[in-house]
Amino acid sequence: MKKRKLALALCLALLVGIVSPAMTFATPPEPDIPVDDPVDPAPYSYIDSIVMDFSMYTDGSSTDYAEVYVPNRNYHYTLTLELLKMSGGSWDVPATVKWTNSGTGTVYIDESYDGLSYGAYCLAATINVYNASGIKVEAVTEYSRTAVFNSDGIIYYW
């Protein structure tokens, strides 16, 4: 009886060894990703990050925030934040209000504004980066989301 169980166990092990590789499921091939494709560079040369937040409220006020980080402390920059209103299909210039800050590393503007009327508004953050010699090496303008305050007192964003 022991020989029979041993023989049965060996046959079963042999059968599993033969059938098991045939039962493996094929995995889908990896997608072809060419190694020599260039990687898109960061959108800015000296600026590491730009963060903006714009919120508008039915009482006609807004919170206006922009933060910029330039990792190289040998470069200084100015950050100008403008609150723009749309008029006739384009953004009004000059801005409704404008704030400026400058420095190295992380620079931010955190303001609020009262007195907005019905219409579409957004923030424009302009960053000018200067090297140690005072030469402008980069100029960037980014826009926040747009807030629309309609005559029904409803605010929506896009």
Foldseek 3Di string as FASTA:
>chain_A
DVVVVVVVVVVVVVVCVVVVVVPDDDDDDDDDDDPPDDDDDPPDDFWDDKDWDWDAALQQKIKTKIKTFGPDQQKKKKKKKFKWFDDPRHTDPPGPDMDMDMHHGMDMDIDMDHDHDFGKIKMKIWMFMAGNVRHTDDIDIDIDWMWGQHPVSDIDTD
